Amino acid sequence: MRPHQLVITAGLIVSAALAGCGNDSGQPATAADVPSAASSAEQPATTDVPDQGDGSGDDDQGDDRGSDDDGDDGQGTDDAEPTAVPEVLDFEATEVSGEGFAGADLAGTDTVFWFWAPWCTECAAAAPGVQAAAEATGDVNFVGVAGLSSDVAAMEGFVDQHGLEFPQLADSDGSVYTRFGVTQQDTYVFVSAEGEVETISGYSTDEDPQAVVDEAFG
């Protein structure tokens, strides 16, 4: 082959190669036809986040709740002071029935303590009047104190015989008699709601028990 024929053939081959590199329209490819790596990369999915606001609404609700709590605490506070227990009522004993008794439970109330003995005839004669006074005076507490004896069975018999329905203490060791400074049976001790104490010994059955109570706490 001649040299000028080789040059023509080579030119045809180069032209064909360039034609193959064109775009779909048959035009030569340009830089605009080549997708960039940044634009072709898959973009990450995004999630729409609800508008949370500036938080002022939540703060207001929190303040409201706090205010309500403070108000409730103030209303639930009990400012009442506990009733002071006079020394004379600061004791514990056992009733004739076997139940426990706390003198402190009587603090702040008017109370009549009736000291008697199961063998005492004067006490037996006074018992009906004392029971009647206890029934008639609803705002005054009555407490019987059976002492000067260790015979609890005799105390129980006395209570049953005379129908005593208010609490009766079995002071077998004399501790309650001693606390109130009582040395003989058929004695009455009046303890006021303020803790003041008045003692009357040898109470007469001729007197009206109700009148005596009214005078003591009048």
Protein backbone atom coordinates (compact mmCIF):
# COMPACT_ATOMS: atom_id res chain seq x y z
CA MET A 1 0.00 0.00 0.00
CA ARG A 2 1.16 3.45 -0.75
CA PRO A 3 1.95 5.95 1.96
CA HIS A 4 -0.86 8.40 1.10
CA GLN A 5 -3.40 5.60 1.25
CA LEU A 6 -2.22 4.68 4.82
CA VAL A 7 -2.83 8.24 5.99
CA ILE A 8 -6.38 8.29 4.59
CA THR A 9 -7.24 4.98 6.21
CA ALA A 10 -5.94 6.07 9.58
CA GLY A 11 -8.03 9.24 9.39
CA LEU A 12 -11.17 7.25 8.73
CA ILE A 13 -10.55 5.05 11.78
CA VAL A 14 -10.11 8.07 14.07
CA SER A 15 -13.31 9.66 12.76
CA ALA A 16 -15.29 6.50 13.44
CA ALA A 17 -13.96 6.35 16.99
CA LEU A 18 -14.99 9.92 17.68
CA ALA A 19 -18.46 9.28 16.30
CA GLY A 20 -18.93 6.41 18.79
CA CYS A 21 -18.21 8.67 21.75
CA GLY A 22 -21.15 11.01 21.01
CA ASN A 23 -24.45 11.29 22.99
CA ASP A 24 -27.75 9.73 22.07
CA SER A 25 -28.52 12.58 19.68
CA GLY A 26 -25.42 11.85 17.77
CA GLN A 27 -23.64 14.99 18.99
CA PRO A 28 -20.23 14.74 20.56
CA ALA A 29 -20.21 14.32 24.36
CA THR A 30 -19.48 17.42 26.42
CA ALA A 31 -18.65 18.05 30.08
CA ALA A 32 -22.30 18.98 30.70
CA ASP A 33 -23.39 15.50 29.58
CA VAL A 34 -21.24 13.79 32.26
CA PRO A 35 -23.06 13.53 35.67
CA SER A 36 -20.99 14.74 38.59
CA ALA A 37 -20.27 12.46 41.53
CA ALA A 38 -21.86 14.93 43.94
CA SER A 39 -25.13 15.24 42.02
CA SER A 40 -25.46 11.54 41.27
CA ALA A 41 -24.86 10.39 44.87
CA GLU A 42 -28.09 9.40 46.65
CA GLN A 43 -29.21 12.09 49.05
CA PRO A 44 -30.04 10.89 52.60
CA ALA A 45 -33.74 10.76 53.48
CA THR A 46 -34.91 13.52 55.75
CA THR A 47 -37.69 13.37 58.35
CA ASP A 48 -39.86 16.33 59.03
CA VAL A 49 -39.60 17.21 62.74
CA PRO A 50 -42.78 18.70 64.26
CA ASP A 51 -42.45 22.20 65.50
CA GLN A 52 -41.76 21.97 69.20
CA GLY A 53 -42.46 25.61 69.81
CA ASP A 54 -40.36 27.70 72.12
CA GLY A 55 -41.27 25.70 75.22
CA SER A 56 -43.20 28.53 76.76
CA GLY A 57 -46.44 26.51 76.83
CA ASP A 58 -44.86 23.64 78.71
CA ASP A 59 -43.29 26.02 81.17
CA ASP A 60 -46.65 27.61 81.84
CA GLN A 61 -48.21 24.25 82.51
CA GLY A 62 -45.38 23.32 84.82
CA ASP A 63 -45.79 26.58 86.72
CA ASP A 64 -49.53 26.01 87.02
CA ARG A 65 -49.02 22.56 88.39
CA GLY A 66 -46.47 23.82 90.84
CA SER A 67 -48.83 26.54 92.02
CA ASP A 68 -51.61 24.01 92.53
CA ASP A 69 -49.33 21.76 94.53
CA ASP A 70 -48.31 24.63 96.77
CA GLY A 71 -51.94 25.52 97.34
CA ASP A 72 -52.88 21.96 98.23
CA ASP A 73 -50.01 21.72 100.70
CA GLY A 74 -51.13 24.90 102.38
CA GLN A 75 -54.69 23.72 102.72
CA GLY A 76 -53.66 20.28 103.98
CA THR A 77 -51.52 21.65 106.81
CA ASP A 78 -53.02 21.20 110.22
CA ASP A 79 -52.04 24.17 112.37
CA ALA A 80 -53.86 22.91 115.44
CA GLU A 81 -51.50 22.26 118.34
CA PRO A 82 -51.83 18.97 120.25
CA THR A 83 -53.58 19.18 123.60
CA ALA A 84 -51.15 19.40 126.48
CA VAL A 85 -51.45 16.50 128.93
CA PRO A 86 -51.54 17.55 132.61
CA GLU A 87 -49.10 15.64 134.77
CA VAL A 88 -51.92 14.16 136.82
CA LEU A 89 -53.35 12.50 133.69
CA ASP A 90 -50.03 11.18 132.43
CA PHE A 91 -50.54 7.57 133.49
CA GLU A 92 -51.68 4.18 132.27
CA ALA A 93 -53.79 1.62 134.09
CA THR A 94 -55.95 -1.46 133.59
CA GLU A 95 -59.72 -1.51 133.80
CA VAL A 96 -61.59 -4.07 135.88
CA SER A 97 -62.60 -5.66 132.58
CA GLY A 98 -58.92 -6.17 131.70
CA GLU A 99 -58.75 -3.48 129.02
CA GLY A 100 -55.94 -0.95 128.94
CA PHE A 101 -56.57 2.66 129.94
CA ALA A 102 -54.59 5.84 129.20
CA GLY A 103 -55.23 8.91 131.31
CA ALA A 104 -53.75 11.10 128.55
CA ASP A 105 -56.84 10.38 126.44
CA LEU A 106 -58.82 12.58 128.83
CA ALA A 107 -56.65 15.66 128.30
CA GLY A 108 -58.63 18.73 127.32
CA THR A 109 -61.91 17.45 128.80
CA ASP A 110 -63.72 17.76 132.13
CA THR A 111 -63.42 14.50 134.05
CA VAL A 112 -64.69 13.12 137.35
CA PHE A 113 -62.64 10.39 139.06
CA TRP A 114 -64.62 8.46 141.68
CA PHE A 115 -62.42 6.49 144.09
CA TRP A 116 -64.15 3.57 145.77
CA ALA A 117 -63.47 0.19 147.38
CA PRO A 118 -65.42 -3.04 146.80
CA TRP A 119 -66.07 -3.57 150.51
CA CYS A 120 -67.15 0.03 151.19
CA THR A 121 -70.85 0.34 152.17
CA GLU A 122 -70.85 4.11 151.64
CA CYS A 123 -69.52 3.55 148.11
CA ALA A 124 -72.28 1.04 147.46
CA ALA A 125 -74.89 3.58 148.59
CA ALA A 126 -73.36 6.32 146.37
CA ALA A 127 -72.99 4.14 143.25
CA PRO A 128 -76.53 4.62 141.82
CA GLY A 129 -76.27 8.43 142.08
CA VAL A 130 -72.83 8.47 140.41
CA GLN A 131 -74.10 6.32 137.55
CA ALA A 132 -77.10 8.64 137.11
CA ALA A 133 -74.82 11.68 136.99
CA ALA A 134 -72.61 10.00 134.40
CA GLU A 135 -75.63 9.34 132.21
CA ALA A 136 -77.03 12.86 132.60
CA THR A 137 -73.78 14.73 131.95
CA GLY A 138 -72.76 13.80 128.43
CA ASP A 139 -69.97 16.36 128.11
CA VAL A 140 -68.17 15.25 131.29
CA ASN A 141 -66.15 12.02 131.52
CA PHE A 142 -66.60 9.72 134.52
CA VAL A 143 -63.96 7.21 135.61
CA GLY A 144 -64.23 4.94 138.63
CA VAL A 145 -61.10 3.86 140.51
CA ALA A 146 -61.48 0.69 142.57
CA GLY A 147 -58.70 0.43 145.14
CA LEU A 148 -57.64 -0.43 148.67
CA SER A 149 -57.99 -4.06 147.64
CA SER A 150 -56.25 -6.61 145.44
CA ASP A 151 -59.42 -8.64 144.91
CA VAL A 152 -60.27 -7.94 141.26
CA ALA A 153 -63.12 -10.46 141.38
CA ALA A 154 -64.76 -8.44 144.18
CA MET A 155 -64.32 -5.29 142.10
CA GLU A 156 -66.05 -6.97 139.14
CA GLY A 157 -68.91 -8.06 141.42
CA PHE A 158 -69.36 -4.51 142.69
CA VAL A 159 -69.51 -3.11 139.14
CA ASP A 160 -72.04 -5.71 138.04
CA GLN A 161 -74.17 -5.35 141.16
CA HIS A 162 -74.58 -1.59 140.77
CA GLY A 163 -74.75 -1.49 136.99
CA LEU A 164 -71.78 0.84 136.53
CA GLU A 165 -71.36 1.46 132.83
CA PHE A 166 -68.51 4.01 132.77
CA PRO A 167 -64.83 2.89 132.89
CA GLN A 168 -63.69 1.34 136.18
CA LEU A 169 -59.96 1.04 136.94
CA ALA A 170 -58.59 -1.85 138.99
CA ASP A 171 -56.02 -0.01 141.13
CA SER A 172 -54.77 -3.10 142.93
CA ASP A 173 -51.31 -1.62 143.61
CA GLY A 174 -52.66 1.78 144.70
CA SER A 175 -50.66 3.71 142.07
CA VAL A 176 -53.64 5.73 140.83
CA TYR A 177 -54.75 6.55 144.40
CA THR A 178 -51.22 7.79 145.09
CA ARG A 179 -51.01 9.85 141.90
CA PHE A 180 -54.12 11.80 142.84
CA GLY A 181 -53.17 12.03 146.50
CA VAL A 182 -56.21 10.06 147.62
CA THR A 183 -55.99 8.18 150.93
CA GLN A 184 -59.58 7.04 151.48
CA GLN A 185 -62.45 5.62 149.48
CA ASP A 186 -65.56 7.47 148.33
CA THR A 187 -63.46 10.41 147.18
CA TYR A 188 -64.10 12.52 144.08
CA VAL A 189 -61.43 14.27 142.05
CA PHE A 190 -62.52 16.80 139.43
CA VAL A 191 -59.99 17.49 136.65
CA SER A 192 -61.02 20.37 134.39
CA ALA A 193 -60.23 20.70 130.69
CA GLU A 194 -57.54 23.22 131.68
CA GLY A 195 -55.89 20.69 134.00
CA GLU A 196 -57.09 22.19 137.29
CA VAL A 197 -57.70 19.63 140.05
CA GLU A 198 -60.23 19.72 142.90
CA THR A 199 -60.70 16.94 145.46
CA ILE A 200 -63.77 16.20 147.60
CA SER A 201 -63.57 13.40 150.17
CA GLY A 202 -66.41 11.74 152.04
CA TYR A 203 -69.07 12.73 149.53
CA SER A 204 -72.54 12.63 151.07
CA THR A 205 -75.28 10.61 149.39
CA ASP A 206 -77.73 13.31 150.44
CA GLU A 207 -76.23 15.66 147.86
CA ASP A 208 -77.18 15.66 144.22
CA PRO A 209 -74.20 14.35 142.21
CA GLN A 210 -75.28 16.35 139.17
CA ALA A 211 -75.29 19.58 141.20
CA VAL A 212 -71.81 18.84 142.51
CA VAL A 213 -70.51 18.25 138.98
CA ASP A 214 -72.10 21.45 137.70
CA GLU A 215 -70.56 23.40 140.56
CA ALA A 216 -67.12 21.89 139.98
CA PHE A 217 -67.04 22.66 136.27
CA GLY A 218 -69.44 25.58 136.25
